[in-house]
Amino acid sequence: MKPVFFLRRRYTPFGGSEKDFQDLYNALKNDPELPVEMVDIRQPSWLPGWVQLLIYNVQVCRGRKKEGLYFSSDRLTCLDVHKAGGGTHKSFLRTKGFSLNPLHPTYLWLEKHTLQNARKIIAVSKLVKEDIVRDYRIPPEKIEVVYNGIRVEAIDEEEIARRGRRIRKEFDLPADCPVILFVGSGFGRKGVREFLELLAALRNDFRALVVGKEKRLSDYRSFARSLGLEKKVIFTGPRTDARDFYCASDVFLFPTHYEPFGNVILEAMNYGNVILTTLQCGAGELLQEEPRMRSPKDRSVLPFLERMLRDPHKRRAIARKNRESVPDYSIEKNAEAMRRIFKELENQ
């Protein structure tokens, strides 16, 4: 089989899409029947971002292509396979609002031609597929939904409890008090304001942890105080041990405005959490029992959330089902699906 070239502009271990791309490459690189090659392509860092994007497209697409399949989660107009890991930029702009930044029209131009020219588009959720069909009128049969995969950690209940106790001790959380968790950076799009508003409406006792990086963290702390939550909500800032926080929590609440997938959902499921998120979160499609919020401000889930806080038996039953379903969404399963797609395109 001809090689599959994994094309990327830059790599950061902290970017969700970049990490998914690297994990997929790592899962496939030792397959003797499917040669893969990672290709890093750099641009002058002193240039404006929108200019770098256009230069990147020229670097990859100008001239004669190499023999093989071009694959990327970046927007490039000569790809064979495009993974729409970040959803569509049009959908993102609907949550962000108007901007004069020239980066946005550049993204939109590249996105339109990337989706039109690609032989196959990988959507990371049904949400993303629907966005692509609606925003760019791409034929649905050209798009295949392949959910992201995570490294599933084989961890028993005792280990989860031990790691959870460490976090509860660090933040002085009562052992018998349910904990509600948020993990993510970029609090505006991911709904931390709405997270706090939902907490303020709860009658049952709880503690909450907000884990992640945010430039305006002091504003969110002030907002929590204005809602009377200063003794119930702890903002930890960015942490390298985020997985241990899932071990300490009971409910993962993620009222995002737009999240094409959201690996945090799978991670929270893997460590035994009940999940509440919005219809605007792609990974919410994997939930079996929990209701989904129509929007970040949807209060109709409050009775369910109240029940989860006061009924540990029901909470644990749902969390157990979530844990049992996670192996279906491992990075290995994700790699199997992508391997099949690459081989099908090779034979066309």
Protein backbone atom coordinates (compact mmCIF):
# COMPACT_ATOMS: atom_id res chain seq x y z
CA MET A 1 0.00 0.00 0.00
CA LYS A 2 1.13 3.56 -0.71
CA PRO A 3 2.07 5.63 2.35
CA VAL A 4 -0.27 7.89 4.27
CA PHE A 5 1.31 11.28 4.94
CA PHE A 6 0.20 12.85 8.23
CA LEU A 7 0.58 16.58 7.55
CA ARG A 8 0.75 19.11 10.34
CA ARG A 9 1.87 22.67 10.80
CA ARG A 10 2.97 22.60 14.42
CA TYR A 11 2.59 20.34 17.41
CA THR A 12 1.70 21.17 20.98
CA PRO A 13 0.99 18.47 23.57
CA PHE A 14 -1.64 20.74 25.11
CA GLY A 15 -3.86 21.08 22.02
CA GLY A 16 -6.71 18.55 21.87
CA SER A 17 -6.78 18.11 18.09
CA GLU A 18 -2.98 17.99 17.85
CA LYS A 19 -2.79 15.34 20.57
CA ASP A 20 -5.49 13.23 18.88
CA PHE A 21 -3.57 13.46 15.60
CA GLN A 22 -0.33 12.35 17.28
CA ASP A 23 -2.06 9.52 19.16
CA LEU A 24 -3.54 8.19 15.92
CA TYR A 25 -0.15 8.29 14.22
CA ASN A 26 1.45 6.45 17.15
CA ALA A 27 -1.25 3.77 16.97
CA LEU A 28 -0.65 3.19 13.25
CA LYS A 29 3.09 3.71 12.79
CA ASN A 30 4.06 0.09 13.47
CA ASP A 31 1.48 -1.43 11.13
CA PRO A 32 3.49 -3.27 8.43
CA GLU A 33 0.56 -3.13 6.00
CA LEU A 34 -0.03 0.60 6.32
CA PRO A 35 3.07 2.81 5.98
CA VAL A 36 2.58 6.20 7.62
CA GLU A 37 4.86 9.22 7.74
CA MET A 38 4.55 12.34 9.89
CA VAL A 39 5.42 15.51 7.98
CA ASP A 40 6.00 18.73 9.95
CA ILE A 41 5.89 21.87 7.82
CA ARG A 42 7.00 25.17 9.33
CA GLN A 43 6.49 28.80 8.33
CA PRO A 44 8.33 31.96 9.39
CA SER A 45 7.09 32.69 12.90
CA TRP A 46 7.34 36.46 12.45
CA LEU A 47 4.57 36.51 9.84
CA PRO A 48 0.92 37.16 10.82
CA GLY A 49 -1.02 33.96 11.53
CA TRP A 50 -3.35 34.29 8.53
CA VAL A 51 -0.35 34.70 6.20
CA GLN A 52 1.30 31.61 7.71
CA LEU A 53 -1.86 29.60 6.96
CA LEU A 54 -1.82 30.60 3.29
CA ILE A 55 1.90 29.87 2.98
CA TYR A 56 1.35 26.48 4.61
CA ASN A 57 -1.29 25.65 2.02
CA VAL A 58 1.09 26.62 -0.81
CA GLN A 59 3.91 24.57 0.73
CA VAL A 60 1.76 21.44 0.78
CA CYS A 61 -0.39 21.82 -2.31
CA ARG A 62 1.72 23.61 -4.88
CA GLY A 63 3.49 21.43 -7.39
CA ARG A 64 3.35 17.66 -7.76
CA LYS A 65 1.97 15.63 -4.85
CA LYS A 66 3.85 12.68 -3.45
CA GLU A 67 2.57 9.20 -4.24
CA GLY A 68 0.25 8.33 -1.37
CA LEU A 69 -2.63 9.72 0.67
CA TYR A 70 -2.52 13.21 2.16
CA PHE A 71 -4.20 13.29 5.58
CA SER A 72 -4.52 16.18 8.02
CA SER A 73 -6.75 17.79 10.61
CA ASP A 74 -5.51 21.14 9.25
CA ARG A 75 -7.41 22.98 6.53
CA LEU A 76 -5.48 22.24 3.33
CA THR A 77 -6.99 22.36 -0.14
CA CYS A 78 -5.30 19.24 -1.60
CA LEU A 79 -6.06 16.57 1.01
CA ASP A 80 -7.30 13.09 0.31
CA VAL A 81 -8.65 12.73 3.85
CA HIS A 82 -9.51 15.61 6.15
CA LYS A 83 -10.31 15.06 9.82
CA ALA A 84 -12.62 17.83 10.97
CA GLY A 85 -11.48 17.54 14.57
CA GLY A 86 -12.29 21.15 15.37
CA GLY A 87 -15.71 21.18 13.74
CA THR A 88 -16.37 23.97 11.28
CA HIS A 89 -15.06 27.48 11.72
CA LYS A 90 -18.49 28.78 10.74
CA SER A 91 -19.99 27.03 13.76
CA PHE A 92 -17.24 28.37 16.00
CA LEU A 93 -17.91 31.93 14.80
CA ARG A 94 -21.60 31.56 15.65
CA THR A 95 -20.54 31.21 19.29
CA LYS A 96 -17.77 33.81 19.15
CA GLY A 97 -19.57 36.60 17.33
CA PHE A 98 -18.30 39.23 14.89
CA SER A 99 -14.57 39.88 14.57
CA LEU A 100 -12.35 41.97 12.26
CA ASN A 101 -9.42 39.56 12.63
CA PRO A 102 -8.28 38.56 9.08
CA LEU A 103 -7.57 35.08 10.42
CA HIS A 104 -11.30 34.27 10.28
CA PRO A 105 -11.95 34.88 6.54
CA THR A 106 -8.71 33.00 5.83
CA TYR A 107 -9.94 30.01 7.82
CA LEU A 108 -13.32 30.17 6.07
CA TRP A 109 -11.77 30.23 2.58
CA LEU A 110 -9.44 27.35 3.38
CA GLU A 111 -12.22 25.40 5.08
CA LYS A 112 -14.58 25.70 2.11
CA HIS A 113 -12.00 24.45 -0.40
CA THR A 114 -10.65 21.78 1.96
CA LEU A 115 -14.10 20.23 2.40
CA GLN A 116 -15.00 20.52 -1.27
CA ASN A 117 -11.74 18.98 -2.54
CA ALA A 118 -11.16 16.18 -0.01
CA ARG A 119 -12.05 12.66 -1.13
CA LYS A 120 -13.20 11.73 2.37
CA ILE A 121 -14.06 13.80 5.41
CA ILE A 122 -13.84 12.40 8.94
CA ALA A 123 -16.31 14.03 11.33
CA VAL A 124 -15.59 13.41 15.01
CA SER A 125 -19.31 13.44 15.84
CA LYS A 126 -22.73 13.54 14.23
CA LEU A 127 -22.86 17.16 15.35
CA VAL A 128 -19.84 17.98 13.17
CA LYS A 129 -21.22 16.06 10.20
CA GLU A 130 -24.48 18.00 10.41
CA ASP A 131 -22.54 21.28 10.63
CA ILE A 132 -20.49 20.43 7.52
CA VAL A 133 -23.56 19.43 5.49
CA ARG A 134 -25.48 22.53 6.59
CA ASP A 135 -22.67 25.08 6.31
CA TYR A 136 -21.05 23.87 3.08
CA ARG A 137 -23.63 21.60 1.40
CA ILE A 138 -21.19 18.71 1.27
CA PRO A 139 -22.86 15.40 0.26
CA PRO A 140 -23.46 13.37 3.46
CA GLU A 141 -22.07 10.19 1.87
CA LYS A 142 -18.66 11.87 1.58
CA ILE A 143 -18.52 12.25 5.39
CA GLU A 144 -17.93 9.43 7.87
CA VAL A 145 -18.37 9.80 11.61
CA VAL A 146 -15.44 8.37 13.56
CA TYR A 147 -15.52 9.27 17.24
CA ASN A 148 -12.24 10.20 18.90
CA GLY A 149 -10.44 7.58 20.94
CA ILE A 150 -8.62 7.95 24.24
CA ARG A 151 -5.97 5.94 26.02
CA VAL A 152 -8.19 3.85 28.25
CA GLU A 153 -6.52 3.46 31.61
CA ALA A 154 -7.20 0.07 33.20
CA ILE A 155 -7.82 1.22 36.75
CA ASP A 156 -9.78 -0.56 39.47
CA GLU A 157 -12.21 0.93 41.97
CA GLU A 158 -9.64 0.89 44.78
CA GLU A 159 -7.14 2.90 42.76
CA ILE A 160 -9.81 5.39 41.74
CA ALA A 161 -10.76 5.80 45.41
CA ARG A 162 -7.13 6.24 46.49
CA ARG A 163 -6.44 8.94 43.90
CA GLY A 164 -9.74 10.62 44.69
CA ARG A 165 -8.92 10.76 48.41
CA ARG A 166 -5.65 12.51 47.62
CA ILE A 167 -7.47 15.30 45.76
CA ARG A 168 -10.16 15.59 48.42
CA LYS A 169 -7.48 15.88 51.10
CA GLU A 170 -5.53 18.51 49.13
CA PHE A 171 -8.61 20.74 48.80
CA ASP A 172 -10.15 19.84 52.16
CA LEU A 173 -13.32 18.38 50.63
CA PRO A 174 -15.68 16.50 53.00
CA ALA A 175 -15.51 12.75 52.38
CA ASP A 176 -19.30 12.33 52.24
CA CYS A 177 -20.08 15.41 50.12
CA PRO A 178 -20.68 14.90 46.35
CA VAL A 179 -18.26 16.74 44.07
CA ILE A 180 -19.15 18.39 40.75
CA LEU A 181 -16.27 18.86 38.32
CA PHE A 182 -15.41 21.00 35.30
CA VAL A 183 -12.20 20.48 33.31
CA GLY A 184 -11.20 22.61 30.33
CA SER A 185 -9.36 25.71 29.18
CA GLY A 186 -11.07 28.66 27.54
CA PHE A 187 -13.86 29.17 30.05
CA GLY A 188 -16.07 31.36 27.87
CA ARG A 189 -16.79 28.88 25.06
CA LYS A 190 -16.87 25.91 27.42
CA GLY A 191 -19.51 27.37 29.67
CA VAL A 192 -17.98 28.06 33.08
CA ARG A 193 -20.28 31.04 33.66
CA GLU A 194 -23.28 28.80 32.98
CA PHE A 195 -21.69 26.08 35.15
CA LEU A 196 -21.64 28.51 38.08
CA GLU A 197 -25.20 29.68 37.44
CA LEU A 198 -26.44 26.08 37.53
CA LEU A 199 -24.60 25.45 40.80
CA ALA A 200 -26.15 28.54 42.35
CA ALA A 201 -29.61 27.10 41.65
CA LEU A 202 -28.94 23.81 43.51
CA ARG A 203 -30.52 23.10 46.90
CA ASN A 204 -28.52 20.00 47.84
CA ASP A 205 -25.08 20.23 49.42
CA PHE A 206 -22.05 19.85 47.15
CA ARG A 207 -18.53 21.03 46.43
CA ALA A 208 -17.26 21.93 42.96
CA LEU A 209 -13.84 22.01 41.30
CA VAL A 210 -13.00 24.04 38.20
CA VAL A 211 -9.76 22.81 36.61
CA GLY A 212 -8.13 24.60 33.68
CA LYS A 213 -6.30 27.59 32.31
CA GLU A 214 -8.10 30.90 31.87
CA LYS A 215 -6.70 34.41 31.36
CA ARG A 216 -9.63 36.05 33.16
CA LEU A 217 -9.68 33.68 36.12
CA SER A 218 -10.14 36.52 38.63
CA ASP A 219 -13.37 37.55 36.85
CA TYR A 220 -14.80 34.05 37.26
CA ARG A 221 -13.82 33.98 40.91
CA SER A 222 -15.62 37.29 41.39
CA PHE A 223 -18.69 35.97 39.59
CA ALA A 224 -18.72 32.89 41.84
CA ARG A 225 -18.59 35.15 44.91
CA SER A 226 -21.49 37.25 43.56
CA LEU A 227 -23.56 34.04 43.37
CA GLY A 228 -22.68 33.07 46.94
CA LEU A 229 -20.51 30.15 45.86
CA GLU A 230 -17.17 31.24 47.33
CA LYS A 231 -17.24 28.43 49.94
CA LYS A 232 -18.42 25.75 47.53
CA VAL A 233 -16.37 26.27 44.34
CA ILE A 234 -12.59 25.96 44.05
CA PHE A 235 -10.69 27.20 40.99
CA THR A 236 -7.49 25.16 40.77
CA GLY A 237 -5.94 26.69 37.65
CA PRO A 238 -4.17 24.38 35.16
CA ARG A 239 -3.09 20.99 36.53
CA THR A 240 -0.95 18.19 35.16
CA ASP A 241 -2.86 15.62 37.23
CA ALA A 242 -6.34 16.30 35.80
CA ARG A 243 -7.13 12.57 35.71
CA ASP A 244 -7.01 12.41 39.50
CA PHE A 245 -9.73 15.05 39.68
CA TYR A 246 -12.10 12.73 37.79
CA CYS A 247 -11.35 10.16 40.51
CA ALA A 248 -12.45 12.65 43.17
CA SER A 249 -15.66 13.78 41.46
CA ASP A 250 -19.14 12.31 41.15
CA VAL A 251 -20.69 14.48 38.42
CA PHE A 252 -18.91 16.01 35.45
CA LEU A 253 -20.82 19.13 34.37
CA PHE A 254 -19.78 20.58 30.99
CA PRO A 255 -22.30 23.18 29.70
CA THR A 256 -20.29 24.06 26.60
CA HIS A 257 -21.45 26.42 23.85
CA TYR A 258 -19.63 24.44 21.14
CA GLU A 259 -17.38 21.40 21.46
CA PRO A 260 -17.00 19.30 18.28
CA PHE A 261 -16.17 16.25 20.39
CA GLY A 262 -14.70 16.74 23.88
CA ASN A 263 -12.32 14.05 25.07
CA VAL A 264 -12.96 15.24 28.63
CA ILE A 265 -16.34 13.51 28.41
CA LEU A 266 -14.72 10.14 27.68
CA GLU A 267 -12.13 10.71 30.39
CA ALA A 268 -14.80 11.52 32.96
CA MET A 269 -16.75 8.41 31.92
CA ASN A 270 -13.60 6.28 32.27
CA TYR A 271 -13.17 7.31 35.92
CA GLY A 272 -16.77 6.74 36.93
CA ASN A 273 -18.59 10.06 36.63
CA VAL A 274 -22.18 10.90 35.75
CA ILE A 275 -22.03 13.32 32.80
CA LEU A 276 -24.14 16.38 32.06
CA THR A 277 -23.41 18.34 28.91
CA THR A 278 -25.17 20.13 26.05
CA LEU A 279 -26.46 19.15 22.63
CA GLN A 280 -23.59 21.30 21.34
CA CYS A 281 -21.03 18.77 22.63
CA GLY A 282 -20.27 15.96 20.18
CA ALA A 283 -19.17 13.43 22.81
CA GLY A 284 -22.55 13.82 24.48
CA GLU A 285 -23.85 11.55 21.70
CA LEU A 286 -22.19 8.65 23.55
CA LEU A 287 -24.24 9.06 26.74
CA GLN A 288 -26.93 6.46 27.37
CA GLU A 289 -28.89 7.59 30.44
CA GLU A 290 -28.07 11.20 31.21
CA PRO A 291 -30.26 13.96 29.73
CA ARG A 292 -28.56 16.56 27.55
CA MET A 293 -29.03 20.29 27.92
CA ARG A 294 -30.60 22.07 24.95
CA SER A 295 -28.22 24.97 25.57
CA PRO A 296 -25.71 26.00 28.26
CA LYS A 297 -28.50 27.89 30.06
CA ASP A 298 -30.98 25.00 30.05
CA ARG A 299 -32.27 24.59 33.62
CA SER A 300 -34.46 21.57 32.86
CA VAL A 301 -31.62 19.24 33.97
CA LEU A 302 -31.66 20.61 37.51
CA PRO A 303 -34.04 17.93 38.88
CA PHE A 304 -31.78 15.20 37.45
CA LEU A 305 -28.69 16.87 38.88
CA GLU A 306 -30.38 17.25 42.28
CA ARG A 307 -31.24 13.55 42.26
CA MET A 308 -27.66 12.60 41.42
CA LEU A 309 -26.43 14.61 44.39
CA ARG A 310 -28.80 13.00 46.89
CA ASP A 311 -28.96 9.42 45.48
CA PRO A 312 -25.49 7.79 45.55
CA HIS A 313 -26.86 4.39 44.47
CA LYS A 314 -28.37 5.73 41.22
CA ARG A 315 -25.28 7.88 40.67
CA ARG A 316 -22.98 4.87 40.94
CA ALA A 317 -25.17 2.74 38.67
CA ILE A 318 -24.99 5.32 35.85
CA ALA A 319 -21.26 5.88 36.44
CA ARG A 320 -20.66 2.11 36.19
CA LYS A 321 -22.42 1.94 32.81
CA ASN A 322 -20.34 4.87 31.60
CA ARG A 323 -17.10 3.12 32.60
CA GLU A 324 -18.16 -0.09 30.88
CA SER A 325 -18.83 1.70 27.57
CA VAL A 326 -15.50 3.55 27.34
CA PRO A 327 -13.42 0.69 25.82
CA ASP A 328 -15.59 1.02 22.69
CA TYR A 329 -13.96 4.44 22.21
CA SER A 330 -10.30 3.58 22.71
CA ILE A 331 -7.53 4.96 20.52
CA GLU A 332 -7.10 1.39 19.22
CA LYS A 333 -10.72 1.28 18.00
CA ASN A 334 -10.26 4.72 16.45
CA ALA A 335 -7.13 3.50 14.63
CA GLU A 336 -8.99 0.44 13.31
CA ALA A 337 -11.65 2.67 11.74
CA MET A 338 -9.06 4.99 10.17
CA ARG A 339 -7.03 2.03 8.87
CA ARG A 340 -10.14 0.73 7.10
CA ILE A 341 -10.86 4.13 5.54
CA PHE A 342 -7.30 4.58 4.26
CA LYS A 343 -7.33 1.10 2.69
CA GLU A 344 -10.73 1.69 1.06
CA LEU A 345 -9.46 4.90 -0.55
CA GLU A 346 -6.32 3.13 -1.74
CA ASN A 347 -8.47 0.56 -3.55
CA GLN A 348 -10.74 3.11 -5.24
